[in-house]
Amino acid sequence: MGFKPQKEMKVQAVEKFVDELKKIQGEAKVALHKAHNDIKCFADQMHAHMPDYKVRDQVWLSTKNLNIN
């Protein structure tokens, strides 16, 4: 029951459109990986100067931004 096409038809416009979408998707993936790596490098630089605290180290805490009323 239902309609079955007698032969398989290929539409050039559809194939071209799909190829273009795959190309754009690949470019977007590369751009996202580059942005991720750039942000990671920046974040790593910002945290490179942090001291390595260990359990039971004593530290001073600032109350500069602590609102005590």
PDB file of N, CA and C in Angstrom:
ATOM      1  N   MET A   1       0.826  -1.164   0.000  1.00  0.00           N
ATOM      2  CA  MET A   1       0.000   0.000   0.000  1.00  0.00           C
ATOM      3  C   MET A   1       0.880   1.239   0.000  1.00  0.00           C
ATOM      4  N   GLY A   2       0.431   2.331  -0.537  1.00  0.00           N
ATOM      5  CA  GLY A   2       1.204   3.554  -0.586  1.00  0.00           C
ATOM      6  C   GLY A   2       1.913   3.686  -1.918  1.00  0.00           C
ATOM      7  N   PHE A   3       2.634   4.744  -2.052  1.00  0.00           N
ATOM      8  CA  PHE A   3       3.309   5.041  -3.313  1.00  0.00           C
ATOM      9  C   PHE A   3       4.788   4.724  -3.203  1.00  0.00           C
ATOM     10  N   LYS A   4       5.312   3.972  -4.151  1.00  0.00           N
ATOM     11  CA  LYS A   4       6.733   3.692  -4.220  1.00  0.00           C
ATOM     12  C   LYS A   4       7.256   4.224  -5.543  1.00  0.00           C
ATOM     13  N   PRO A   5       8.272   5.067  -5.488  1.00  0.00           N
ATOM     14  CA  PRO A   5       8.798   5.572  -6.748  1.00  0.00           C
ATOM     15  C   PRO A   5       9.419   4.430  -7.562  1.00  0.00           C
ATOM     16  N   GLN A   6       9.268   4.504  -8.865  1.00  0.00           N
ATOM     17  CA  GLN A   6       9.782   3.475  -9.750  1.00  0.00           C
ATOM     18  C   GLN A   6      11.305   3.516  -9.853  1.00  0.00           C
ATOM     19  N   LYS A   7      11.878   4.703  -9.799  1.00  0.00           N
ATOM     20  CA  LYS A   7      13.330   4.816  -9.869  1.00  0.00           C
ATOM     21  C   LYS A   7      13.791   5.902  -8.918  1.00  0.00           C
ATOM     22  N   GLU A   8      15.024   5.780  -8.508  1.00  0.00           N
ATOM     23  CA  GLU A   8      15.584   6.753  -7.587  1.00  0.00           C
ATOM     24  C   GLU A   8      16.022   7.977  -8.372  1.00  0.00           C
ATOM     25  N   MET A   9      15.579   9.140  -7.923  1.00  0.00           N
ATOM     26  CA  MET A   9      15.927  10.386  -8.619  1.00  0.00           C
ATOM     27  C   MET A   9      16.869  11.192  -7.742  1.00  0.00           C
ATOM     28  N   LYS A  10      17.862  11.783  -8.357  1.00  0.00           N
ATOM     29  CA  LYS A  10      18.773  12.652  -7.637  1.00  0.00           C
ATOM     30  C   LYS A  10      18.573  14.070  -8.150  1.00  0.00           C
ATOM     31  N   VAL A  11      18.463  14.977  -7.215  1.00  0.00           N
ATOM     32  CA  VAL A  11      18.263  16.377  -7.565  1.00  0.00           C
ATOM     33  C   VAL A  11      19.581  17.100  -7.297  1.00  0.00           C
ATOM     34  N   GLN A  12      20.145  17.685  -8.306  1.00  0.00           N
ATOM     35  CA  GLN A  12      21.445  18.344  -8.198  1.00  0.00           C
ATOM     36  C   GLN A  12      21.411  19.479  -7.184  1.00  0.00           C
ATOM     37  N   ALA A  13      20.346  20.245  -7.151  1.00  0.00           N
ATOM     38  CA  ALA A  13      20.261  21.383  -6.232  1.00  0.00           C
ATOM     39  C   ALA A  13      20.302  20.925  -4.779  1.00  0.00           C
ATOM     40  N   VAL A  14      19.653  19.825  -4.490  1.00  0.00           N
ATOM     41  CA  VAL A  14      19.626  19.312  -3.122  1.00  0.00           C
ATOM     42  C   VAL A  14      21.015  18.825  -2.724  1.00  0.00           C
ATOM     43  N   GLU A  15      21.672  18.097  -3.606  1.00  0.00           N
ATOM     44  CA  GLU A  15      23.017  17.614  -3.314  1.00  0.00           C
ATOM     45  C   GLU A  15      23.982  18.773  -3.096  1.00  0.00           C
ATOM     46  N   LYS A  16      23.861  19.810  -3.906  1.00  0.00           N
ATOM     47  CA  LYS A  16      24.718  20.990  -3.755  1.00  0.00           C
ATOM     48  C   LYS A  16      24.441  21.680  -2.417  1.00  0.00           C
ATOM     49  N   PHE A  17      23.176  21.786  -2.054  1.00  0.00           N
ATOM     50  CA  PHE A  17      22.784  22.406  -0.789  1.00  0.00           C
ATOM     51  C   PHE A  17      23.347  21.626   0.402  1.00  0.00           C
ATOM     52  N   VAL A  18      23.244  20.307   0.362  1.00  0.00           N
ATOM     53  CA  VAL A  18      23.753  19.465   1.447  1.00  0.00           C
ATOM     54  C   VAL A  18      25.270  19.592   1.547  1.00  0.00           C
ATOM     55  N   ASP A  19      25.956  19.601   0.412  1.00  0.00           N
ATOM     56  CA  ASP A  19      27.412  19.772   0.417  1.00  0.00           C
ATOM     57  C   ASP A  19      27.804  21.114   1.021  1.00  0.00           C
ATOM     58  N   GLU A  20      27.066  22.149   0.686  1.00  0.00           N
ATOM     59  CA  GLU A  20      27.349  23.483   1.228  1.00  0.00           C
ATOM     60  C   GLU A  20      27.121  23.512   2.741  1.00  0.00           C
ATOM     61  N   LEU A  21      26.054  22.858   3.203  1.00  0.00           N
ATOM     62  CA  LEU A  21      25.788  22.784   4.647  1.00  0.00           C
ATOM     63  C   LEU A  21      26.910  22.045   5.375  1.00  0.00           C
ATOM     64  N   LYS A  22      27.403  20.956   4.792  1.00  0.00           N
ATOM     65  CA  LYS A  22      28.508  20.209   5.411  1.00  0.00           C
ATOM     66  C   LYS A  22      29.765  21.063   5.479  1.00  0.00           C
ATOM     67  N   LYS A  23      30.018  21.832   4.438  1.00  0.00           N
ATOM     68  CA  LYS A  23      31.192  22.713   4.409  1.00  0.00           C
ATOM     69  C   LYS A  23      31.081  23.776   5.508  1.00  0.00           C
ATOM     70  N   ILE A  24      29.917  24.392   5.622  1.00  0.00           N
ATOM     71  CA  ILE A  24      29.694  25.426   6.637  1.00  0.00           C
ATOM     72  C   ILE A  24      29.802  24.826   8.039  1.00  0.00           C
ATOM     73  N   GLN A  25      29.274  23.633   8.223  1.00  0.00           N
ATOM     74  CA  GLN A  25      29.351  22.966   9.526  1.00  0.00           C
ATOM     75  C   GLN A  25      30.807  22.690   9.895  1.00  0.00           C
ATOM     76  N   GLY A  26      31.601  22.263   8.933  1.00  0.00           N
ATOM     77  CA  GLY A  26      33.019  22.020   9.185  1.00  0.00           C
ATOM     78  C   GLY A  26      33.751  23.291   9.570  1.00  0.00           C
ATOM     79  N   GLU A  27      33.460  24.397   8.875  1.00  0.00           N
ATOM     80  CA  GLU A  27      34.083  25.680   9.192  1.00  0.00           C
ATOM     81  C   GLU A  27      33.673  26.164  10.582  1.00  0.00           C
ATOM     82  N   ALA A  28      32.414  25.961  10.930  1.00  0.00           N
ATOM     83  CA  ALA A  28      31.938  26.374  12.253  1.00  0.00           C
ATOM     84  C   ALA A  28      32.622  25.555  13.343  1.00  0.00           C
ATOM     85  N   LYS A  29      32.801  24.257  13.099  1.00  0.00           N
ATOM     86  CA  LYS A  29      33.464  23.395  14.075  1.00  0.00           C
ATOM     87  C   LYS A  29      34.907  23.855  14.298  1.00  0.00           C
ATOM     88  N   VAL A  30      35.613  24.186  13.216  1.00  0.00           N
ATOM     89  CA  VAL A  30      36.995  24.663  13.333  1.00  0.00           C
ATOM     90  C   VAL A  30      37.034  25.982  14.109  1.00  0.00           C
ATOM     91  N   ALA A  31      36.100  26.887  13.819  1.00  0.00           N
ATOM     92  CA  ALA A  31      36.058  28.179  14.508  1.00  0.00           C
ATOM     93  C   ALA A  31      35.766  27.998  16.001  1.00  0.00           C
ATOM     94  N   LEU A  32      34.870  27.081  16.344  1.00  0.00           N
ATOM     95  CA  LEU A  32      34.567  26.830  17.751  1.00  0.00           C
ATOM     96  C   LEU A  32      35.767  26.244  18.490  1.00  0.00           C
ATOM     97  N   HIS A  33      36.489  25.336  17.841  1.00  0.00           N
ATOM     98  CA  HIS A  33      37.685  24.769  18.478  1.00  0.00           C
ATOM     99  C   HIS A  33      38.744  25.850  18.693  1.00  0.00           C
ATOM    100  N   LYS A  34      38.902  26.750  17.720  1.00  0.00           N
ATOM    101  CA  LYS A  34      39.881  27.828  17.863  1.00  0.00           C
ATOM    102  C   LYS A  34      39.485  28.761  19.005  1.00  0.00           C
ATOM    103  N   ALA A  35      38.199  29.129  19.068  1.00  0.00           N
ATOM    104  CA  ALA A  35      37.729  30.001  20.142  1.00  0.00           C
ATOM    105  C   ALA A  35      37.923  29.325  21.500  1.00  0.00           C
ATOM    106  N   HIS A  36      37.635  28.042  21.577  1.00  0.00           N
ATOM    107  CA  HIS A  36      37.821  27.299  22.826  1.00  0.00           C
ATOM    108  C   HIS A  36      39.291  27.330  23.256  1.00  0.00           C
ATOM    109  N   ASN A  37      40.185  27.080  22.323  1.00  0.00           N
ATOM    110  CA  ASN A  37      41.609  27.080  22.650  1.00  0.00           C
ATOM    111  C   ASN A  37      42.098  28.471  23.058  1.00  0.00           C
ATOM    112  N   ASP A  38      41.605  29.521  22.388  1.00  0.00           N
ATOM    113  CA  ASP A  38      41.997  30.888  22.747  1.00  0.00           C
ATOM    114  C   ASP A  38      41.545  31.234  24.163  1.00  0.00           C
ATOM    115  N   ILE A  39      40.303  30.898  24.493  1.00  0.00           N
ATOM    116  CA  ILE A  39      39.771  31.191  25.827  1.00  0.00           C
ATOM    117  C   ILE A  39      40.527  30.388  26.882  1.00  0.00           C
ATOM    118  N   LYS A  40      40.843  29.127  26.579  1.00  0.00           N
ATOM    119  CA  LYS A  40      41.581  28.286  27.520  1.00  0.00           C
ATOM    120  C   LYS A  40      42.972  28.859  27.779  1.00  0.00           C
ATOM    121  N   CYS A  41      43.653  29.305  26.733  1.00  0.00           N
ATOM    122  CA  CYS A  41      44.993  29.891  26.909  1.00  0.00           C
ATOM    123  C   CYS A  41      44.918  31.130  27.797  1.00  0.00           C
ATOM    124  N   PHE A  42      43.925  31.985  27.572  1.00  0.00           N
ATOM    125  CA  PHE A  42      43.767  33.193  28.374  1.00  0.00           C
ATOM    126  C   PHE A  42      43.481  32.841  29.833  1.00  0.00           C
ATOM    127  N   ALA A  43      42.584  31.895  30.047  1.00  0.00           N
ATOM    128  CA  ALA A  43      42.236  31.497  31.419  1.00  0.00           C
ATOM    129  C   ALA A  43      43.439  30.868  32.116  1.00  0.00           C
ATOM    130  N   ASP A  44      44.197  30.068  31.397  1.00  0.00           N
ATOM    131  CA  ASP A  44      45.380  29.449  31.993  1.00  0.00           C
ATOM    132  C   ASP A  44      46.413  30.502  32.390  1.00  0.00           C
ATOM    133  N   GLN A  45      46.557  31.542  31.591  1.00  0.00           N
ATOM    134  CA  GLN A  45      47.497  32.619  31.919  1.00  0.00           C
ATOM    135  C   GLN A  45      47.049  33.356  33.178  1.00  0.00           C
ATOM    136  N   MET A  46      45.750  33.569  33.300  1.00  0.00           N
ATOM    137  CA  MET A  46      45.220  34.299  34.455  1.00  0.00           C
ATOM    138  C   MET A  46      45.394  33.497  35.745  1.00  0.00           C
ATOM    139  N   HIS A  47      45.361  32.183  35.656  1.00  0.00           N
ATOM    140  CA  HIS A  47      45.460  31.354  36.846  1.00  0.00           C
ATOM    141  C   HIS A  47      46.869  30.822  37.096  1.00  0.00           C
ATOM    142  N   ALA A  48      47.803  31.188  36.250  1.00  0.00           N
ATOM    143  CA  ALA A  48      49.168  30.674  36.388  1.00  0.00           C
ATOM    144  C   ALA A  48      49.854  31.235  37.630  1.00  0.00           C
ATOM    145  N   HIS A  49      49.430  32.415  38.101  1.00  0.00           N
ATOM    146  CA  HIS A  49      50.101  33.072  39.216  1.00  0.00           C
ATOM    147  C   HIS A  49      49.528  32.672  40.578  1.00  0.00           C
ATOM    148  N   MET A  50      48.552  31.835  40.582  1.00  0.00           N
ATOM    149  CA  MET A  50      47.897  31.477  41.830  1.00  0.00           C
ATOM    150  C   MET A  50      48.796  30.547  42.652  1.00  0.00           C
ATOM    151  N   PRO A  51      48.883  30.803  43.950  1.00  0.00           N
ATOM    152  CA  PRO A  51      49.686  29.914  44.801  1.00  0.00           C
ATOM    153  C   PRO A  51      49.025  28.544  44.931  1.00  0.00           C
ATOM    154  N   ASP A  52      49.836  27.580  45.229  1.00  0.00           N
ATOM    155  CA  ASP A  52      49.344  26.219  45.387  1.00  0.00           C
ATOM    156  C   ASP A  52      49.035  25.973  46.863  1.00  0.00           C
ATOM    157  N   TYR A  53      47.754  26.074  47.240  1.00  0.00           N
ATOM    158  CA  TYR A  53      47.348  25.869  48.620  1.00  0.00           C
ATOM    159  C   TYR A  53      47.190  24.387  48.898  1.00  0.00           C
ATOM    160  N   LYS A  54      47.531  24.014  50.110  1.00  0.00           N
ATOM    161  CA  LYS A  54      47.392  22.629  50.543  1.00  0.00           C
ATOM    162  C   LYS A  54      46.488  22.584  51.776  1.00  0.00           C
ATOM    163  N   VAL A  55      46.012  21.421  52.070  1.00  0.00           N
ATOM    164  CA  VAL A  55      45.169  21.237  53.247  1.00  0.00           C
ATOM    165  C   VAL A  55      45.968  21.660  54.479  1.00  0.00           C
ATOM    166  N   ARG A  56      45.312  22.406  55.348  1.00  0.00           N
ATOM    167  CA  ARG A  56      45.852  22.923  56.614  1.00  0.00           C
ATOM    168  C   ARG A  56      46.761  24.142  56.449  1.00  0.00           C
ATOM    169  N   ASP A  57      46.896  24.692  55.244  1.00  0.00           N
ATOM    170  CA  ASP A  57      47.604  25.962  55.085  1.00  0.00           C
ATOM    171  C   ASP A  57      46.769  27.061  55.733  1.00  0.00           C
ATOM    172  N   GLN A  58      47.448  28.018  56.371  1.00  0.00           N
ATOM    173  CA  GLN A  58      46.739  29.146  56.962  1.00  0.00           C
ATOM    174  C   GLN A  58      46.822  30.317  55.981  1.00  0.00           C
ATOM    175  N   VAL A  59      45.681  30.967  55.777  1.00  0.00           N
ATOM    176  CA  VAL A  59      45.614  32.082  54.828  1.00  0.00           C
ATOM    177  C   VAL A  59      44.843  33.229  55.462  1.00  0.00           C
ATOM    178  N   TRP A  60      45.085  34.439  54.963  1.00  0.00           N
ATOM    179  CA  TRP A  60      44.329  35.613  55.376  1.00  0.00           C
ATOM    180  C   TRP A  60      43.188  35.797  54.396  1.00  0.00           C
ATOM    181  N   LEU A  61      42.009  36.056  54.900  1.00  0.00           N
ATOM    182  CA  LEU A  61      40.850  36.306  54.058  1.00  0.00           C
ATOM    183  C   LEU A  61      40.478  37.777  54.132  1.00  0.00           C
ATOM    184  N   SER A  62      40.189  38.359  52.983  1.00  0.00           N
ATOM    185  CA  SER A  62      39.791  39.754  52.923  1.00  0.00           C
ATOM    186  C   SER A  62      38.283  39.877  53.108  1.00  0.00           C
ATOM    187  N   THR A  63      37.869  40.905  53.845  1.00  0.00           N
ATOM    188  CA  THR A  63      36.434  41.187  53.997  1.00  0.00           C
ATOM    189  C   THR A  63      36.042  42.399  53.159  1.00  0.00           C
ATOM    190  N   LYS A  64      36.858  42.752  52.185  1.00  0.00           N
ATOM    191  CA  LYS A  64      36.655  43.925  51.347  1.00  0.00           C
ATOM    192  C   LYS A  64      35.249  43.929  50.707  1.00  0.00           C
ATOM    193  N   ASN A  65      34.830  42.830  50.138  1.00  0.00           N
ATOM    194  CA  ASN A  65      33.547  42.757  49.459  1.00  0.00           C
ATOM    195  C   ASN A  65      32.486  42.046  50.278  1.00  0.00           C
ATOM    196  N   LEU A  66      32.732  41.849  51.552  1.00  0.00           N
ATOM    197  CA  LEU A  66      31.793  41.178  52.432  1.00  0.00           C
ATOM    198  C   LEU A  66      30.914  42.228  53.101  1.00  0.00           C
ATOM    199  N   ASN A  67      29.616  42.138  52.875  1.00  0.00           N
ATOM    200  CA  ASN A  67      28.661  43.095  53.409  1.00  0.00           C
ATOM    201  C   ASN A  67      28.154  42.587  54.761  1.00  0.00           C
ATOM    202  N   ILE A  68      28.668  43.169  55.832  1.00  0.00           N
ATOM    203  CA  ILE A  68      28.248  42.767  57.185  1.00  0.00           C
ATOM    204  C   ILE A  68      27.474  43.924  57.811  1.00  0.00           C
ATOM    205  N   ASN A  69      26.185  43.763  57.926  1.00  0.00           N
ATOM    206  CA  ASN A  69      25.325  44.818  58.526  1.00  0.00           C
ATOM    207  C   ASN A  69      24.508  44.264  59.636  1.00  0.00           C
TER     208      ASN A  69
END
